[in-house]
Amino acid sequence: MLATLAVVAVRDGQPVPPAQPGYQLLLLVATAMFFITSWLRGGQTLGMRAWRLRVERQAGGNLDLRTGVIRFLAGLLSVLSCGLGLLWLWIDRDELTWHDRLAGTQVVVLPKPPR
């Protein structure tokens, strides 16, 4: 939303015409920054926190920048293949998606906090 606000402000309040490659690239970069930054700063996006999920390396530990970028790009592949990379976890022996396999990561379920 902030990226779009900046673009609309630069355009004096005029909307962005459809199919603008520069704007599409801006949104892709902003999305990548959101996910990769969230994974690097604790392994969770806001949605992952709500579901008590955390992404980490398969060997354990936090992701580094290289791993985060690989996971994001491989995640695009998982989604652009009509979601096959996401559905793969149902048949994978370790319940990993394509992007987890390619990046060497895994998603773990965190325990419920004590009351």
C-alpha atoms as a PDB file:
ATOM      1  CA  MET A   1       0.000   0.000   0.000  1.00  0.00           C
ATOM      2  CA  LEU A   2       2.839   2.395   0.797  1.00  0.00           C
ATOM      3  CA  ALA A   3       4.483   1.739  -2.573  1.00  0.00           C
ATOM      4  CA  THR A   4       1.213   2.501  -4.356  1.00  0.00           C
ATOM      5  CA  LEU A   5       0.673   5.609  -2.224  1.00  0.00           C
ATOM      6  CA  ALA A   6       4.099   6.894  -3.265  1.00  0.00           C
ATOM      7  CA  VAL A   7       3.414   6.219  -6.957  1.00  0.00           C
ATOM      8  CA  VAL A   8      -0.011   7.873  -6.857  1.00  0.00           C
ATOM      9  CA  ALA A   9       1.460  10.862  -4.997  1.00  0.00           C
ATOM     10  CA  VAL A  10       4.162  11.272  -7.655  1.00  0.00           C
ATOM     11  CA  ARG A  11       1.434  11.081 -10.316  1.00  0.00           C
ATOM     12  CA  ASP A  12      -0.523  13.924  -8.630  1.00  0.00           C
ATOM     13  CA  GLY A  13      -3.323  11.591  -7.528  1.00  0.00           C
ATOM     14  CA  GLN A  14      -3.801   9.945 -10.901  1.00  0.00           C
ATOM     15  CA  PRO A  15      -4.205   6.147 -10.874  1.00  0.00           C
ATOM     16  CA  VAL A  16      -1.613   3.921 -12.487  1.00  0.00           C
ATOM     17  CA  PRO A  17      -2.756   2.721 -15.927  1.00  0.00           C
ATOM     18  CA  PRO A  18      -3.278  -1.060 -16.237  1.00  0.00           C
ATOM     19  CA  ALA A  19      -0.369  -3.327 -17.225  1.00  0.00           C
ATOM     20  CA  GLN A  20       2.444  -0.931 -16.355  1.00  0.00           C
ATOM     21  CA  PRO A  21       5.589  -3.130 -16.199  1.00  0.00           C
ATOM     22  CA  GLY A  22       7.474  -0.678 -13.984  1.00  0.00           C
ATOM     23  CA  TYR A  23       4.651  -0.584 -11.462  1.00  0.00           C
ATOM     24  CA  GLN A  24       4.297  -4.374 -11.542  1.00  0.00           C
ATOM     25  CA  LEU A  25       8.034  -4.693 -10.848  1.00  0.00           C
ATOM     26  CA  LEU A  26       7.752  -2.210  -7.977  1.00  0.00           C
ATOM     27  CA  LEU A  27       4.987  -4.300  -6.404  1.00  0.00           C
ATOM     28  CA  LEU A  28       7.038  -7.494  -6.832  1.00  0.00           C
ATOM     29  CA  VAL A  29      10.067  -5.881  -5.166  1.00  0.00           C
ATOM     30  CA  ALA A  30       7.916  -4.490  -2.323  1.00  0.00           C
ATOM     31  CA  THR A  31       6.379  -7.947  -1.788  1.00  0.00           C
ATOM     32  CA  ALA A  32       9.801  -9.594  -1.810  1.00  0.00           C
ATOM     33  CA  MET A  33      11.098  -7.058   0.711  1.00  0.00           C
ATOM     34  CA  PHE A  34       8.134  -7.705   3.016  1.00  0.00           C
ATOM     35  CA  PHE A  35       8.500 -11.489   3.022  1.00  0.00           C
ATOM     36  CA  ILE A  36      12.290 -11.660   3.107  1.00  0.00           C
ATOM     37  CA  THR A  37      12.572  -9.029   5.841  1.00  0.00           C
ATOM     38  CA  SER A  38       9.930 -10.818   7.927  1.00  0.00           C
ATOM     39  CA  TRP A  39      11.690 -14.168   7.545  1.00  0.00           C
ATOM     40  CA  LEU A  40      15.063 -12.648   8.475  1.00  0.00           C
ATOM     41  CA  ARG A  41      13.667 -10.866  11.544  1.00  0.00           C
ATOM     42  CA  GLY A  42      12.273 -13.841  13.421  1.00  0.00           C
ATOM     43  CA  GLY A  43      11.121 -16.239  10.715  1.00  0.00           C
ATOM     44  CA  GLN A  44       7.507 -15.054  10.666  1.00  0.00           C
ATOM     45  CA  THR A  45       5.184 -12.793   8.741  1.00  0.00           C
ATOM     46  CA  LEU A  46       2.213 -11.328  10.570  1.00  0.00           C
ATOM     47  CA  GLY A  47      -0.009 -14.148   9.270  1.00  0.00           C
ATOM     48  CA  MET A  48       2.492 -16.781  10.361  1.00  0.00           C
ATOM     49  CA  ARG A  49       2.455 -15.325  13.876  1.00  0.00           C
ATOM     50  CA  ALA A  50      -1.325 -15.671  14.023  1.00  0.00           C
ATOM     51  CA  TRP A  51      -1.082 -19.346  13.015  1.00  0.00           C
ATOM     52  CA  ARG A  52       1.996 -19.970  15.232  1.00  0.00           C
ATOM     53  CA  LEU A  53       4.174 -20.907  12.243  1.00  0.00           C
ATOM     54  CA  ARG A  54       7.847 -20.127  11.756  1.00  0.00           C
ATOM     55  CA  VAL A  55      10.186 -20.685   8.809  1.00  0.00           C
ATOM     56  CA  GLU A  56      13.715 -21.830   9.586  1.00  0.00           C
ATOM     57  CA  ARG A  57      16.594 -23.665   7.951  1.00  0.00           C
ATOM     58  CA  GLN A  58      16.229 -27.431   7.795  1.00  0.00           C
ATOM     59  CA  ALA A  59      19.302 -27.695  10.015  1.00  0.00           C
ATOM     60  CA  GLY A  60      17.660 -25.257  12.423  1.00  0.00           C
ATOM     61  CA  GLY A  61      18.272 -21.568  12.892  1.00  0.00           C
ATOM     62  CA  ASN A  62      17.291 -18.340  11.201  1.00  0.00           C
ATOM     63  CA  LEU A  63      17.374 -17.696   7.472  1.00  0.00           C
ATOM     64  CA  ASP A  64      20.097 -15.557   5.936  1.00  0.00           C
ATOM     65  CA  LEU A  65      19.562 -13.148   3.038  1.00  0.00           C
ATOM     66  CA  ARG A  66      20.589 -15.670   0.372  1.00  0.00           C
ATOM     67  CA  THR A  67      18.207 -18.320   1.712  1.00  0.00           C
ATOM     68  CA  GLY A  68      15.368 -15.792   1.986  1.00  0.00           C
ATOM     69  CA  VAL A  69      15.813 -14.667  -1.618  1.00  0.00           C
ATOM     70  CA  ILE A  70      15.949 -18.268  -2.873  1.00  0.00           C
ATOM     71  CA  ARG A  71      12.835 -19.147  -0.874  1.00  0.00           C
ATOM     72  CA  PHE A  72      10.934 -16.137  -2.235  1.00  0.00           C
ATOM     73  CA  LEU A  73      11.877 -16.790  -5.875  1.00  0.00           C
ATOM     74  CA  ALA A  74      11.140 -20.505  -5.527  1.00  0.00           C
ATOM     75  CA  GLY A  75       7.838 -19.561  -3.886  1.00  0.00           C
ATOM     76  CA  LEU A  76       6.945 -17.632  -7.033  1.00  0.00           C
ATOM     77  CA  LEU A  77       7.638 -20.805  -9.007  1.00  0.00           C
ATOM     78  CA  SER A  78       5.415 -22.774  -6.611  1.00  0.00           C
ATOM     79  CA  VAL A  79       2.535 -20.355  -7.094  1.00  0.00           C
ATOM     80  CA  LEU A  80       2.982 -19.747 -10.837  1.00  0.00           C
ATOM     81  CA  SER A  81       2.798 -23.493 -11.484  1.00  0.00           C
ATOM     82  CA  CYS A  82      -0.917 -23.280 -10.600  1.00  0.00           C
ATOM     83  CA  GLY A  83      -0.052 -23.974  -6.975  1.00  0.00           C
ATOM     84  CA  LEU A  84       1.537 -27.374  -7.623  1.00  0.00           C
ATOM     85  CA  GLY A  85       4.579 -26.397  -5.578  1.00  0.00           C
ATOM     86  CA  LEU A  86       2.336 -25.690  -2.605  1.00  0.00           C
ATOM     87  CA  LEU A  87       0.239 -28.837  -2.992  1.00  0.00           C
ATOM     88  CA  TRP A  88       3.447 -30.861  -3.196  1.00  0.00           C
ATOM     89  CA  LEU A  89       3.652 -30.918   0.611  1.00  0.00           C
ATOM     90  CA  TRP A  90       0.775 -33.438   0.691  1.00  0.00           C
ATOM     91  CA  ILE A  91       2.848 -36.041  -1.163  1.00  0.00           C
ATOM     92  CA  ASP A  92       6.338 -35.099   0.019  1.00  0.00           C
ATOM     93  CA  ARG A  93       7.801 -37.532   2.543  1.00  0.00           C
ATOM     94  CA  ASP A  94       8.952 -34.618   4.739  1.00  0.00           C
ATOM     95  CA  GLU A  95       5.871 -32.468   4.034  1.00  0.00           C
ATOM     96  CA  LEU A  96       7.944 -29.777   2.302  1.00  0.00           C
ATOM     97  CA  THR A  97       6.856 -27.484  -0.523  1.00  0.00           C
ATOM     98  CA  TRP A  98       8.995 -26.889  -3.599  1.00  0.00           C
ATOM     99  CA  HIS A  99      10.290 -23.604  -2.220  1.00  0.00           C
ATOM    100  CA  ASP A 100      11.227 -25.232   1.083  1.00  0.00           C
ATOM    101  CA  ARG A 101      13.070 -28.003  -0.781  1.00  0.00           C
ATOM    102  CA  LEU A 102      14.911 -25.571  -3.059  1.00  0.00           C
ATOM    103  CA  ALA A 103      15.859 -23.161  -0.257  1.00  0.00           C
ATOM    104  CA  GLY A 104      16.640 -25.786   2.388  1.00  0.00           C
ATOM    105  CA  THR A 105      13.984 -24.456   4.748  1.00  0.00           C
ATOM    106  CA  GLN A 106      11.036 -25.827   6.672  1.00  0.00           C
ATOM    107  CA  VAL A 107       7.958 -24.427   8.372  1.00  0.00           C
ATOM    108  CA  VAL A 108       7.499 -25.473  11.988  1.00  0.00           C
ATOM    109  CA  VAL A 109       4.451 -25.170  14.235  1.00  0.00           C
ATOM    110  CA  LEU A 110       5.234 -23.326  17.453  1.00  0.00           C
ATOM    111  CA  PRO A 111       3.778 -24.474  20.769  1.00  0.00           C
ATOM    112  CA  LYS A 112       0.874 -22.587  22.278  1.00  0.00           C
ATOM    113  CA  PRO A 113       1.993 -19.974  24.802  1.00  0.00           C
ATOM    114  CA  PRO A 114       1.281 -20.806  28.441  1.00  0.00           C
ATOM    115  CA  ARG A 115      -1.798 -19.173  29.932  1.00  0.00           C
END
